[in-house]
């Protein structure tokens, strides 16, 4: 059996400030609470023999993974396709601004200077499909709220990638077997046309 552990990064400084960030070069990393959450993740997965870590290029995700796997020698890869939603001109705006924007409600519309949520969903499905094509038995993926939320809801057969699970816990592993991740990929592609 193959297992995929999908985790959102620990609380970031941008989370504390309620600011959106879709550019890894502007990421400010984890808050003190996020560092503790990353340590907790490490404790939750200490008894699992990981064969691969795949991480988003955002410093908050890399920092979470590095803290969680502090004393473990696990092969690591960065996958830029697992990065947060590319929000273009909304970079550095508030979460309220993001939630009030038309592309937040209509997943087919692109954020000005960025991508649509459907574009992001297809990108995440591609990344997960690449993981499925590999041979590792246990893979940890550290990325962001939306790729984890979309995978959980899609695997559940939801008609909405944003629900029923909406609030993804920081630095908590969501467990998928191979069939579950395949279902997620197929449903994400179906809903993000």
Protein backbone atom coordinates (compact mmCIF):
# COMPACT_ATOMS: atom_id res chain seq x y z
CA UNK A 1 0.00 0.00 0.00
CA UNK A 2 1.23 3.49 -0.86
CA UNK A 3 0.53 6.39 1.50
CA UNK A 4 0.57 10.12 0.86
CA UNK A 5 0.55 12.52 3.81
CA UNK A 6 -0.61 15.97 2.72
CA UNK A 7 0.02 18.82 5.14
CA UNK A 8 -0.46 22.55 5.10
CA UNK A 9 2.48 24.63 6.38
CA UNK A 10 2.47 25.91 9.96
CA UNK A 11 0.97 29.29 10.76
CA UNK A 12 2.83 31.97 8.80
CA UNK A 13 3.55 35.58 9.64
CA UNK A 14 1.21 36.48 6.79
CA UNK A 15 -1.54 34.35 8.42
CA UNK A 16 -1.08 36.37 11.62
CA UNK A 17 -1.35 39.65 9.67
CA UNK A 18 -4.34 38.37 7.60
CA UNK A 19 -2.47 39.12 4.38
CA UNK A 20 -2.50 37.00 1.20
CA UNK A 21 0.73 35.86 -0.45
CA UNK A 22 1.08 34.02 -3.74
CA UNK A 23 4.72 34.86 -4.48
CA UNK A 24 7.37 32.70 -2.78
CA UNK A 25 9.93 35.51 -3.01
CA UNK A 26 7.77 37.66 -0.70
CA UNK A 27 7.06 34.93 1.86
CA UNK A 28 8.07 35.92 5.41
CA UNK A 29 8.12 32.41 6.92
CA UNK A 30 6.52 30.97 10.03
CA UNK A 31 5.28 32.64 13.19
CA UNK A 32 6.36 31.31 16.60
CA UNK A 33 3.11 29.35 16.71
CA UNK A 34 3.85 27.99 13.22
CA UNK A 35 7.23 26.75 14.40
CA UNK A 36 5.53 24.90 17.25
CA UNK A 37 2.96 23.46 14.83
CA UNK A 38 5.79 22.20 12.60
CA UNK A 39 7.38 20.50 15.62
CA UNK A 40 4.02 18.91 16.44
CA UNK A 41 3.78 17.61 12.85
CA UNK A 42 7.20 16.04 13.29
CA UNK A 43 5.96 14.27 16.40
CA UNK A 44 2.82 13.04 14.63
CA UNK A 45 4.80 11.41 11.82
CA UNK A 46 7.92 10.30 13.71
CA UNK A 47 6.81 6.65 13.59
CA UNK A 48 6.27 6.62 9.83
CA UNK A 49 9.09 5.56 7.50
CA UNK A 50 9.02 8.35 4.93
CA UNK A 51 10.66 7.70 1.59
CA UNK A 52 10.16 11.14 0.04
CA UNK A 53 9.34 14.72 1.01
CA UNK A 54 7.85 16.96 -1.67
CA UNK A 55 7.48 20.58 -0.69
CA UNK A 56 6.17 23.83 -2.16
CA UNK A 57 8.85 26.44 -2.98
CA UNK A 58 7.42 28.86 -0.39
CA UNK A 59 9.69 29.42 2.64
CA UNK A 60 6.79 28.80 5.05
CA UNK A 61 6.34 25.29 3.59
CA UNK A 62 10.08 24.56 3.44
CA UNK A 63 10.54 25.79 7.02
CA UNK A 64 7.65 23.59 8.20
CA UNK A 65 9.14 20.52 6.50
CA UNK A 66 12.65 21.21 7.78
CA UNK A 67 11.45 21.55 11.37
CA UNK A 68 9.15 18.51 11.15
CA UNK A 69 11.94 16.33 9.71
CA UNK A 70 14.74 17.96 11.72
CA UNK A 71 16.71 14.80 12.49
CA UNK A 72 15.52 12.62 9.65
CA UNK A 73 17.36 11.85 6.45
CA UNK A 74 14.52 11.89 3.90
CA UNK A 75 15.07 12.65 0.19
CA UNK A 76 13.55 16.06 -0.57
CA UNK A 77 12.20 17.69 -3.69
CA UNK A 78 10.67 21.09 -4.35
CA UNK A 79 7.67 21.12 -6.68
CA UNK A 80 6.77 24.64 -7.80
CA UNK A 81 3.37 23.41 -8.99
CA UNK A 82 2.42 22.87 -5.33
CA UNK A 83 2.89 26.57 -4.57
CA UNK A 84 0.05 28.75 -3.32
CA UNK A 85 -2.48 30.31 -5.69
CA UNK A 86 -0.90 32.91 -7.96
CA UNK A 87 -2.94 35.96 -6.97
CA UNK A 88 -1.18 38.61 -9.06
CA UNK A 89 -2.26 42.13 -8.13
CA UNK A 90 -3.78 40.98 -4.85
CA UNK A 91 -0.29 40.21 -3.53
CA UNK A 92 0.07 41.75 -0.07
CA UNK A 93 -3.63 42.67 0.21
CA UNK A 94 -5.81 41.52 3.07
CA UNK A 95 -7.68 38.24 3.23
CA UNK A 96 -10.88 40.32 3.22
CA UNK A 97 -9.80 41.87 -0.12
CA UNK A 98 -9.10 38.40 -1.48
CA UNK A 99 -12.46 37.03 -0.33
CA UNK A 100 -14.30 40.04 -1.79
CA UNK A 101 -12.68 39.61 -5.22
CA UNK A 102 -14.72 38.17 -8.08
CA UNK A 103 -12.19 35.38 -8.88
CA UNK A 104 -12.57 34.08 -5.32
CA UNK A 105 -16.27 33.42 -6.06
CA UNK A 106 -15.99 32.47 -9.73
CA UNK A 107 -13.25 29.86 -10.00
CA UNK A 108 -13.03 30.31 -13.79
CA UNK A 109 -11.91 33.97 -13.52
CA UNK A 110 -8.24 34.80 -13.19
CA UNK A 111 -6.98 37.06 -10.45
CA UNK A 112 -5.64 40.17 -12.23
CA UNK A 113 -2.04 39.33 -13.10
CA UNK A 114 -2.45 35.81 -11.71
CA UNK A 115 -4.34 32.58 -12.31
CA UNK A 116 -7.86 31.32 -11.67
CA UNK A 117 -8.68 28.92 -8.86
CA UNK A 118 -9.49 26.35 -11.55
CA UNK A 119 -6.02 26.90 -13.05
CA UNK A 120 -4.56 26.25 -9.60
CA UNK A 121 -6.71 23.11 -9.15
CA UNK A 122 -5.45 21.70 -12.45
CA UNK A 123 -1.87 22.54 -11.45
CA UNK A 124 -2.33 20.71 -8.14
CA UNK A 125 -3.88 17.72 -9.90
CA UNK A 126 -0.82 17.59 -12.20
CA UNK A 127 1.53 17.64 -9.19
CA UNK A 128 -0.39 14.88 -7.42
CA UNK A 129 -0.47 12.83 -10.62
CA UNK A 130 3.33 13.08 -10.86
CA UNK A 131 3.57 11.75 -7.31
CA UNK A 132 1.28 8.85 -8.20
CA UNK A 133 3.57 7.98 -11.13
CA UNK A 134 6.52 7.57 -8.76
CA UNK A 135 7.28 4.47 -6.73
CA UNK A 136 7.84 5.62 -3.14
CA UNK A 137 5.65 3.86 -0.59
CA UNK A 138 5.26 6.80 1.80
CA UNK A 139 5.44 10.44 0.70
CA UNK A 140 5.01 13.58 2.78
CA UNK A 141 3.79 16.65 0.88
CA UNK A 142 4.02 20.04 2.61
CA UNK A 143 2.19 22.77 0.73
CA UNK A 144 -0.73 25.11 1.37
CA UNK A 145 -4.34 25.19 2.50
CA UNK A 146 -5.96 25.17 -0.95
CA UNK A 147 -4.12 22.15 -2.47
CA UNK A 148 -4.86 20.13 0.66
CA UNK A 149 -8.50 21.30 0.85
CA UNK A 150 -9.09 20.53 -2.83
CA UNK A 151 -7.59 17.04 -2.52
CA UNK A 152 -9.61 16.16 0.60
CA UNK A 153 -12.90 17.38 -0.85
CA UNK A 154 -12.27 15.84 -4.27
CA UNK A 155 -11.36 12.45 -2.77
CA UNK A 156 -14.63 12.65 -0.84
CA UNK A 157 -16.55 13.06 -4.12
CA UNK A 158 -17.74 16.56 -3.28
CA UNK A 159 -19.30 18.74 -5.97
CA UNK A 160 -17.37 21.70 -4.55
CA UNK A 161 -13.60 21.77 -4.10
CA UNK A 162 -14.07 24.28 -1.27
CA UNK A 163 -16.28 22.03 0.85
CA UNK A 164 -17.37 20.37 2.97
CA UNK A 165 -13.86 20.73 4.47
CA UNK A 166 -12.95 24.40 4.26
CA UNK A 167 -10.62 25.17 7.14
CA UNK A 168 -7.49 23.04 6.81
CA UNK A 169 -5.51 22.74 10.03
CA UNK A 170 -1.95 24.00 10.01
CA UNK A 171 0.77 21.35 9.98
CA UNK A 172 -1.64 18.42 10.32
CA UNK A 173 -1.27 15.33 8.12
CA UNK A 174 -4.23 14.39 5.91
CA UNK A 175 -3.74 10.75 4.91
CA UNK A 176 -4.44 9.35 1.44
CA UNK A 177 -3.83 5.91 0.04
CA UNK A 178 -3.05 5.58 -3.67
CA UNK A 179 -6.69 5.05 -4.66
CA UNK A 180 -7.79 8.05 -2.60
CA UNK A 181 -5.27 10.36 -4.25
CA UNK A 182 -6.24 9.02 -7.69
CA UNK A 183 -9.90 9.81 -6.90
CA UNK A 184 -8.86 13.28 -5.80
CA UNK A 185 -6.95 13.94 -9.02
CA UNK A 186 -9.82 12.73 -11.21
CA UNK A 187 -12.44 14.77 -9.34
CA UNK A 188 -10.27 17.89 -9.26
CA UNK A 189 -9.90 17.67 -13.05
CA UNK A 190 -13.63 17.13 -13.44
CA UNK A 191 -14.59 20.12 -11.31
CA UNK A 192 -11.90 22.48 -12.62
CA UNK A 193 -12.74 22.38 -16.32
